Protein backbone atom coordinates (compact mmCIF):
# COMPACT_ATOMS: atom_id res chain seq x y z
CA MET A 1 191.14 274.77 81.88
CA PRO A 2 188.18 276.60 83.47
CA PRO A 3 188.77 279.00 86.35
CA ALA A 4 188.59 277.26 89.70
CA THR A 5 185.72 278.25 91.95
CA SER A 6 187.79 278.92 95.06
CA PRO A 7 189.47 282.31 95.53
CA THR A 8 192.85 280.64 95.65
CA ARG A 9 192.24 278.72 92.42
CA LYS A 10 193.39 275.29 93.51
CA PHE A 11 193.03 272.07 91.59
CA VAL A 12 189.88 270.24 92.62
CA ALA A 13 191.25 267.17 94.36
CA SER A 14 190.23 263.69 93.30
CA ALA A 15 190.17 260.89 95.82
CA ALA A 16 193.69 259.99 94.78
CA SER A 17 194.99 263.48 95.46
CA LEU A 18 193.21 264.42 98.69
CA SER A 19 196.26 263.48 100.70
CA SER A 20 198.36 266.06 98.88
CA LEU A 21 196.03 269.02 99.25
CA SER A 22 198.44 270.69 101.62
CA ASN A 23 200.99 270.82 98.81
CA ILE A 24 198.72 272.76 96.45
CA LYS A 25 199.35 276.47 96.36
CA GLY A 26 197.09 279.04 94.76
CA GLY A 27 198.26 282.17 96.52
CA SER A 28 200.61 284.75 95.12
CA PHE A 29 203.10 284.87 97.98
CA GLY A 30 204.53 282.66 100.68
CA THR A 31 203.05 279.73 102.57
CA ASN A 32 199.88 279.59 104.61
CA LYS A 33 201.92 278.97 107.76
CA SER A 34 204.13 282.02 107.30
CA LEU A 35 201.30 284.29 106.24
CA GLY A 36 199.17 282.97 109.08
CA SER A 37 201.90 283.90 111.53
CA LEU A 38 202.03 287.39 110.09
CA ALA A 39 198.27 287.69 110.40
CA ASN A 40 198.43 286.56 114.02
CA LEU A 41 201.03 289.20 114.79
CA SER A 42 198.96 291.94 113.19
CA SER A 43 195.87 291.00 115.19
CA LYS A 44 197.54 290.17 118.49
CA TYR A 45 197.89 293.81 119.55
CA PRO A 46 195.38 295.70 117.39
CA ARG A 47 195.32 298.74 119.67
CA GLN A 48 198.65 298.56 121.47
CA ASP A 49 201.24 300.51 119.49
CA LYS A 50 204.07 299.76 121.91
CA SER A 51 203.48 296.03 121.80
CA ALA A 52 203.18 296.14 118.03
CA GLU A 53 206.61 297.77 117.83
CA ILE A 54 208.06 295.02 119.99
CA GLU A 55 206.66 292.42 117.59
CA ALA A 56 207.79 294.29 114.46
CA ALA A 57 211.15 292.54 114.31
CA LYS A 58 209.44 289.16 114.46
CA ALA A 59 207.08 290.16 111.68
CA LYS A 60 209.95 291.35 109.51
CA GLU A 61 211.82 288.09 110.06
CA LEU A 62 208.76 286.06 109.07
CA LEU A 63 208.17 288.21 106.01
CA LEU A 64 211.73 287.81 104.77
CA SER A 65 211.81 284.07 105.42
CA ALA A 66 208.46 283.25 103.78
CA PRO A 67 208.98 281.37 100.50
CA ARG A 68 208.03 283.59 97.58
CA GLU A 69 206.01 282.40 94.62
CA PRO A 70 207.40 283.10 91.13
CA SER A 71 206.01 286.28 89.57
CA THR A 72 204.60 287.01 86.12
CA VAL A 73 204.67 289.93 83.71
CA GLY A 74 202.66 290.61 80.55
CA LEU A 75 200.19 288.10 79.13
CA LEU A 76 200.85 285.36 81.70
CA LYS A 77 198.62 285.27 84.78
CA SER A 78 199.16 282.83 87.63
CA PHE A 79 196.49 280.11 87.75
CA ILE A 80 197.64 277.28 90.04
CA SER A 81 200.74 275.51 91.34
CA VAL A 82 200.80 271.90 92.52
CA LYS A 83 203.66 270.28 94.41
CA GLN A 84 204.73 266.93 92.93
CA THR A 85 206.54 263.95 94.43
CA SER A 86 209.66 264.38 92.30
CA GLU A 87 211.37 266.70 89.85
CA ILE A 88 209.37 267.47 86.71
CA PHE A 89 211.04 266.63 83.41
CA VAL A 90 208.10 266.80 80.99
CA VAL A 91 204.82 268.71 80.79
CA CYS A 92 202.51 268.13 77.84
CA PHE A 93 198.91 269.05 76.99
CA SER A 94 196.82 266.60 74.98
CA PRO A 95 196.00 267.81 71.43
CA ASP A 96 192.42 268.61 72.45
CA ALA A 97 193.68 270.44 75.58
CA LYS A 98 191.48 268.26 77.81
CA TYR A 99 194.41 266.70 79.68
CA LEU A 100 197.73 267.86 81.06
CA THR A 101 200.39 265.21 81.64
CA VAL A 102 203.36 265.66 83.96
CA GLY A 103 206.38 263.35 83.63
CA LEU A 104 208.36 262.97 86.86
CA GLY A 105 211.78 261.81 87.93
CA ASN A 106 210.38 258.74 89.71
CA SER A 107 208.96 256.94 86.62
CA SER A 108 205.43 258.31 87.18
CA ILE A 109 203.19 260.32 84.86
CA GLN A 110 200.46 262.43 86.46
CA VAL A 111 197.35 262.89 84.29
CA TYR A 112 195.26 265.97 85.15
CA SER A 113 191.89 266.82 83.66
CA THR A 114 191.70 270.42 82.50
CA GLN A 115 187.90 270.18 82.57
CA THR A 116 187.61 269.39 86.29
CA ASN A 117 191.09 270.45 87.47
CA ALA A 118 191.42 267.01 89.09
CA LEU A 119 194.27 264.52 89.17
CA GLU A 120 192.67 261.74 87.13
CA ARG A 121 195.32 259.05 87.57
CA THR A 122 198.99 258.25 87.94
CA LEU A 123 200.71 256.07 85.32
CA THR A 124 203.51 254.04 86.89
CA PRO A 125 205.01 250.99 85.17
CA PRO A 126 205.28 247.74 87.18
CA SER A 127 208.60 247.20 88.94
CA ALA A 128 209.40 250.86 88.37
CA ASP A 129 212.81 252.05 89.45
CA LEU A 130 212.05 255.20 91.39
CA GLU A 131 215.30 256.75 90.18
CA ILE A 132 214.34 256.49 86.48
CA CYS A 133 212.93 259.70 85.00
CA ILE A 134 210.42 260.28 82.24
CA THR A 135 212.29 261.90 79.35
CA SER A 136 209.45 262.68 76.89
CA ILE A 137 205.73 262.25 76.27
CA SER A 138 203.94 262.26 72.91
CA PHE A 139 200.21 261.88 72.28
CA ARG A 140 199.35 259.58 69.38
CA PRO A 141 197.02 261.30 66.90
CA ASP A 142 193.71 259.41 66.81
CA ARG A 143 193.21 257.84 63.39
CA PRO A 144 189.73 257.04 62.01
CA ASN A 145 190.53 253.31 61.86
CA SER A 146 192.24 253.14 65.26
CA LYS A 147 190.75 250.49 67.53
CA THR A 148 192.17 252.21 70.58
CA LYS A 149 192.12 255.96 71.05
CA ASN A 150 193.57 258.17 73.81
CA VAL A 151 197.07 256.69 73.61
CA LEU A 152 200.32 258.34 74.61
CA ALA A 153 203.90 257.17 74.31
CA ALA A 154 206.47 257.93 76.99
CA THR A 155 210.22 257.37 77.00
CA TYR A 156 212.21 256.46 80.10
CA ALA A 157 215.85 257.00 80.93
CA ASP A 158 216.41 253.23 81.28
CA GLY A 159 215.70 252.67 77.56
CA ARG A 160 212.01 251.76 77.66
CA LEU A 161 209.21 253.24 75.58
CA ILE A 162 205.76 252.58 77.01
CA HIS A 163 202.40 253.10 75.36
CA TRP A 164 199.64 254.04 77.79
CA HIS A 165 195.88 254.32 77.44
CA TYR A 166 195.86 257.49 79.47
CA THR A 167 192.10 257.72 80.09
CA SER A 168 191.99 254.28 81.74
CA GLY A 169 195.57 253.92 82.98
CA GLN A 170 196.13 250.67 81.09
CA LEU A 171 199.67 249.82 79.98
CA LEU A 172 199.41 248.78 76.31
CA SER A 173 202.95 247.86 75.27
CA VAL A 174 206.63 248.18 76.13
CA VAL A 175 209.23 248.77 73.42
CA THR A 176 213.02 248.63 73.78
CA GLU A 177 215.77 249.38 71.28
CA PRO A 178 218.86 247.15 71.48
CA GLY A 179 221.97 249.31 71.77
CA ASN A 180 220.09 252.38 72.96
CA GLU A 181 220.70 252.49 76.70
CA SER A 182 218.67 255.63 77.34
CA LEU A 183 215.64 256.73 75.33
CA LEU A 184 215.37 260.52 75.35
CA TYR A 185 212.59 261.42 72.93
CA VAL A 186 209.54 260.16 71.07
CA THR A 187 207.28 262.00 68.64
CA TYR A 188 204.44 260.94 66.33
CA ARG A 189 203.96 261.82 62.71
CA ALA A 190 200.87 263.98 62.15
CA ASP A 191 198.80 261.10 60.76
CA GLY A 192 199.75 258.78 63.62
CA SER A 193 201.12 256.06 61.33
CA GLN A 194 204.71 256.31 62.56
CA TYR A 195 206.70 257.57 65.50
CA ALA A 196 210.35 258.54 65.79
CA THR A 197 212.67 257.96 68.74
CA SER A 198 216.12 259.15 69.75
CA GLY A 199 218.48 258.61 72.62
CA SER A 200 221.98 258.02 73.85
CA ASP A 201 223.26 256.11 70.80
CA ALA A 202 223.03 259.11 68.40
CA LEU A 203 220.51 257.37 66.12
CA VAL A 204 217.02 258.38 65.05
CA ARG A 205 214.69 255.42 64.55
CA ILE A 206 211.35 255.40 62.75
CA HIS A 207 208.79 252.89 64.07
CA ASP A 208 205.61 251.61 62.47
CA ALA A 209 202.91 252.63 64.94
CA ALA A 210 200.83 249.50 64.32
CA THR A 211 203.57 246.87 64.66
CA GLN A 212 206.07 248.86 66.80
CA LYS A 213 208.83 247.59 64.50
CA VAL A 214 211.70 249.82 63.37
CA THR A 215 211.33 250.67 59.68
CA SER A 216 214.25 253.12 59.33
CA ARG A 217 217.51 253.79 61.17
CA LEU A 218 218.77 257.32 60.52
CA GLU A 219 222.45 257.39 61.30
CA LEU A 220 224.65 258.64 58.47
CA GLY A 221 224.75 261.83 56.49
CA THR A 222 225.19 262.53 52.80
CA PRO A 223 228.91 262.28 51.92
CA SER A 224 230.67 265.69 51.72
CA VAL A 225 227.50 267.35 53.10
CA THR A 226 226.97 266.17 56.69
CA THR A 227 227.98 263.27 58.90
CA GLY A 228 224.84 262.77 60.99
CA HIS A 229 224.85 262.86 64.78
CA ASN A 230 227.73 261.71 66.97
CA SER A 231 226.23 262.23 70.44
CA ARG A 232 222.96 262.17 72.39
CA VAL A 233 219.88 263.32 70.48
CA PHE A 234 217.35 265.13 72.68
CA SER A 235 214.67 266.19 70.21
CA VAL A 236 213.16 265.05 66.90
CA LYS A 237 210.40 266.63 64.83
CA PHE A 238 208.60 265.38 61.72
CA HIS A 239 208.21 268.01 59.02
CA PRO A 240 204.56 269.15 59.16
CA THR A 241 203.96 269.18 55.38
CA ASP A 242 206.49 266.65 54.02
CA PRO A 243 206.05 263.24 55.69
CA ASN A 244 209.39 262.04 54.32
CA MET A 245 211.43 264.66 56.16
CA LEU A 246 212.30 265.26 59.79
CA CYS A 247 214.91 267.07 61.87
CA SER A 248 216.77 266.34 65.09
CA GLY A 249 219.23 267.94 67.49
CA GLY A 250 221.29 267.28 70.58
CA TRP A 251 224.68 267.56 72.22
CA ASP A 252 226.81 267.62 69.05
CA ASN A 253 225.90 271.24 68.16
CA THR A 254 224.06 270.30 64.95
CA ILE A 255 220.52 270.10 63.65
CA GLN A 256 220.25 267.28 61.12
CA MET A 257 217.59 267.25 58.37
CA TRP A 258 216.75 263.68 57.43
CA ASP A 259 215.16 262.24 54.28
CA VAL A 260 213.54 258.92 55.19
CA ARG A 261 213.56 257.82 51.53
CA LEU A 262 217.35 258.11 51.45
CA GLN A 263 217.72 257.07 55.11
CA SER A 264 220.35 259.77 55.59
CA SER A 265 220.77 263.39 56.57
CA VAL A 266 220.70 265.67 53.52
CA ARG A 267 221.79 268.90 55.23
CA SER A 268 222.60 270.23 58.65
CA ILE A 269 222.82 273.37 60.75
CA PHE A 270 225.87 273.91 62.90
CA GLY A 271 225.56 275.83 66.15
CA PRO A 272 222.55 274.90 68.32
CA HIS A 273 223.52 272.99 71.48
CA LEU A 274 220.39 271.16 72.64
CA CYS A 275 220.08 269.67 76.13
CA GLY A 276 216.34 269.03 75.99
CA ASP A 277 213.30 269.28 73.75
CA ALA A 278 214.40 272.60 72.30
CA LEU A 279 213.49 272.14 68.63
CA ASP A 280 210.26 272.93 66.77
CA LEU A 281 208.85 273.84 63.36
CA THR A 282 206.18 276.30 62.26
CA ASP A 283 203.00 274.72 60.92
CA ASP A 284 203.97 275.52 57.33
CA GLY A 285 207.38 273.93 57.83
CA THR A 286 209.39 276.95 56.71
CA THR A 287 211.00 277.96 60.02
CA ILE A 288 212.85 276.08 62.75
CA VAL A 289 213.26 277.36 66.30
CA THR A 290 216.10 276.10 68.48
CA GLY A 291 216.97 276.69 72.12
CA SER A 292 220.59 276.25 73.18
CA TYR A 293 221.92 275.67 76.66
CA ARG A 294 224.24 278.70 76.64
CA ARG A 295 224.28 282.31 77.78
CA THR A 296 224.31 284.05 74.39
CA GLU A 297 222.33 283.51 71.19
CA ALA A 298 220.28 280.81 72.88
CA LEU A 299 216.97 281.39 71.05
CA GLN A 300 217.38 281.22 67.26
CA LEU A 301 215.25 280.93 64.12
CA TRP A 302 216.42 279.09 61.00
CA ASN A 303 215.23 278.55 57.41
CA TRP A 304 214.20 274.98 56.74
CA ALA A 305 214.97 275.20 53.01
CA ASP A 306 218.68 275.93 53.27
CA GLY A 307 219.50 275.89 56.97
CA SER A 308 220.45 279.57 57.07
CA LEU A 309 220.05 281.64 60.22
CA GLN A 310 217.04 283.94 60.15
CA GLU A 311 217.56 285.64 63.48
CA SER A 312 218.95 285.28 66.98
CA VAL A 313 216.12 286.53 69.19
CA PRO A 314 217.39 288.55 72.19
CA TRP A 315 216.34 287.00 75.48
CA THR A 316 216.35 290.45 77.06
CA LEU A 317 216.91 294.01 75.84
CA ILE A 318 218.16 295.23 79.21
CA ASP A 319 221.93 295.71 79.36
CA GLY A 320 223.54 293.54 81.99
CA ALA A 321 220.37 291.56 82.74
CA PRO A 322 220.86 287.83 83.35
CA THR A 323 220.04 285.46 80.52
CA THR A 324 218.71 281.92 80.60
CA LYS A 325 220.28 278.73 79.28
CA LEU A 326 217.44 276.95 77.51
CA TYR A 327 216.18 273.41 78.00
CA LYS A 328 212.92 273.83 76.06
CA THR A 329 211.63 275.89 73.15
CA GLN A 330 208.50 275.56 71.06
CA PHE A 331 205.98 277.39 68.91
CA SER A 332 202.31 277.50 69.81
CA HIS A 333 200.22 275.36 67.47
CA SER A 334 196.70 276.70 67.69
CA THR A 335 194.02 274.77 65.85
CA SER A 336 191.58 277.69 65.84
CA SER A 337 193.45 280.98 65.85
CA SER A 338 191.27 283.95 64.96
CA PRO A 339 192.84 287.11 63.54
CA LEU A 340 194.37 289.30 66.21
CA ARG A 341 196.06 292.60 65.50
CA GLY A 342 199.80 292.47 65.99
CA PHE A 343 200.00 288.67 66.01
CA ALA A 344 200.47 286.04 63.31
CA ASP A 345 197.42 283.98 62.31
CA LYS A 346 199.30 280.76 63.20
CA ASN A 347 202.15 279.98 65.56
CA ARG A 348 201.48 283.21 67.43
CA PHE A 349 203.84 282.47 70.28
CA MET A 350 207.34 281.17 70.79
CA LEU A 351 208.24 279.84 74.25
CA GLY A 352 211.58 279.26 75.91
CA ALA A 353 212.40 277.99 79.40
CA GLY A 354 215.54 276.97 81.25
CA GLY A 355 217.88 277.92 84.01
CA GLY A 356 221.49 277.70 84.99
CA PRO A 357 223.28 280.12 87.30
CA ASN A 358 221.81 283.23 85.72
CA ALA A 359 218.01 283.15 85.56
CA CYS A 360 215.48 280.35 85.98
CA GLU A 361 212.50 281.57 83.98
CA LEU A 362 210.12 281.20 81.06
CA ARG A 363 209.58 283.79 78.37
CA MET A 364 206.89 283.95 75.71
CA PHE A 365 207.53 285.89 72.50
CA ASN A 366 205.29 287.25 69.75
CA THR A 367 206.54 285.38 66.66
CA GLN A 368 205.61 288.29 64.40
CA SER A 369 207.40 291.08 66.26
CA LYS A 370 209.93 288.84 68.09
CA ARG A 371 209.05 290.85 71.21
CA CYS A 372 208.69 289.27 74.64
CA VAL A 373 205.03 289.46 75.69
CA GLY A 374 205.04 287.34 78.84
CA ILE A 375 207.47 286.28 81.58
CA ALA A 376 207.27 283.82 84.47
CA GLN A 377 210.29 284.44 86.66
CA GLY A 378 211.79 284.05 90.10
CA PHE A 379 212.06 280.25 90.16
CA THR A 380 214.58 278.72 92.52
CA SER A 381 215.49 275.81 90.21
CA SER A 382 215.90 275.27 86.48
CA LEU A 383 212.82 274.75 84.33
CA TYR A 384 213.18 271.56 82.29
CA SER A 385 209.94 271.71 80.33
CA CYS A 386 207.13 274.02 79.27
CA THR A 387 204.10 273.69 77.02
CA ILE A 388 201.23 275.78 75.69
CA SER A 389 197.79 274.31 75.03
CA ASN A 390 196.55 274.17 71.44
CA ASP A 391 193.78 276.62 72.29
CA GLU A 392 196.51 279.04 73.49
CA LYS A 393 194.71 279.58 76.79
CA PHE A 394 197.19 277.99 79.19
CA VAL A 395 200.94 277.58 79.66
CA ALA A 396 202.33 274.90 81.96
CA LEU A 397 205.88 274.39 83.16
CA GLY A 398 207.96 272.47 85.67
CA GLY A 399 211.49 271.66 86.71
CA GLY A 400 213.85 271.10 89.57
CA ASP A 401 211.65 272.47 92.35
CA SER A 402 209.12 269.63 91.83
CA THR A 403 206.20 272.02 91.36
CA LEU A 404 203.78 272.15 88.45
CA TYR A 405 202.91 275.73 87.50
CA VAL A 406 199.99 276.61 85.23
CA TYR A 407 199.39 280.11 83.84
CA GLU A 408 196.51 281.66 81.96
CA VAL A 409 197.27 283.52 78.74
CA ASP A 410 195.43 286.85 78.99
CA MET A 411 195.40 288.30 75.48
CA LEU A 412 193.89 291.55 76.77
CA ALA A 413 196.69 292.27 79.23
CA PRO A 414 199.00 295.23 78.49
CA ILE A 415 202.35 294.16 77.09
CA ASP A 416 204.28 297.43 77.17
CA PHE A 417 206.95 296.52 79.71
CA PRO A 418 210.75 296.66 79.74
CA TYR A 419 212.29 293.24 79.33
C-alpha cells in the first residue's frame, strides 16, 4: 500500500466512497471538529492574555472530550483509519497484497485496492439480511488451469458460503451445508483444489473446489486417542506440507489434528479456547500458534508432531499490566523475506488481537525472540480480526468500533521499549 499523497494519509476516495469522506481519519488525535474548536480558541485572542485565561477552561474541556485515536509503539506506524457502516469481523489481504477485504456485520464485504487506496467495490448478496455478519474470508489460490481467477470465498452467520469474483463484484455461487446453521470458517488448501469449512455443528467438511461437493466429513476421533469436536469450530488450517492433514479449534478447548485419509482426528491438544480465527501454522508445518479468549496463557506455541506445548508467550512483561483475551492470532507468511538480523527468515512475526474488559489491543511479536516488537493500543472496543500482508509491509485490523485501521510495518524503527 503506497503512502498517500496528502499529509493526513487518507484513502483516495472512489466515486462509491465520496459520500463517506467525512468518516475517514488520518490524523493522530481527535476529530477535525474538536481540534478546529481548539484552534479557534487559540487564535481568537492572540494578544489578549486575560481573555485567553477566560477561555482556558473551555479549551481544556474540548481537549478532554475530543475522541482520541489509538496509539502505536515499536514497528507499527499509523497509516490510515476508515469508518465503516457496521462492526468489522474479518480483515484479509489478498495473497499478492493488492487488495484488502473487510467483512462487516451487515453482510457486506468492502474491497479496497492497496495500489490506489480506493474502495473498489462492495460485495453484498441479494436479499441480504443486514443483521447477518461475515464470519470469514479466504482467497482461492489461482491455479494454472483455472478458468476464473481472483475468487474469494466468504462464510456468513446464516449458514451460506458465497464465492465472489472480487475484481468484478460478480457472485459466482452459493453453497449451504444441511445441518450447519451457522458457517464460521472457510480456508483453501495451498493448491486451491479443496476448501475446508466449519461451523456450529462441530464438523469439519472438505469440499472439492471445482464441484463444491463435500468429499469428507471430519467428525470423530481415533478411539482411545481423541473424540473430535463437540462444539462450535471457529478456525481450520490445512497443513502446509502434508495435504492430507489439517487442524481445527473452537469452543471445546481442543485443537484436533485430522487425517483426511482416515477421516478422523488422530491426536489432539487440550487447552486452547478459541472464539475466533486464532489458529495458524508455520510454513514448514512444525509449529502451531493458538490464541485463547482468556486472561492468562492466551498466546501459545505447540509442536505439530506430538501436540506438546512449546511455550506460553507472555502478553506483557509488566507486573500488573492488563492482558488481552484473544480473538485472532496468526503468523506472517512472507513470500519474499530477505535475511534480517534478529529475525527468522520465514514467519518473522506473530500477531494477536482481542479485547474484553482488560485491554483492547494488537501486539506483534518477533517469532525468533518471542519479544513484542509492535503494539497498537487504546481501542475502545474489542478487535475481532487482524491481518498482515504477505510482503510484511502492512497490518490491518478491525472490531467493535466499526473502524478499519491500517498500519505500516517500519523495520527500521527502534524496538527497545518496555511492554
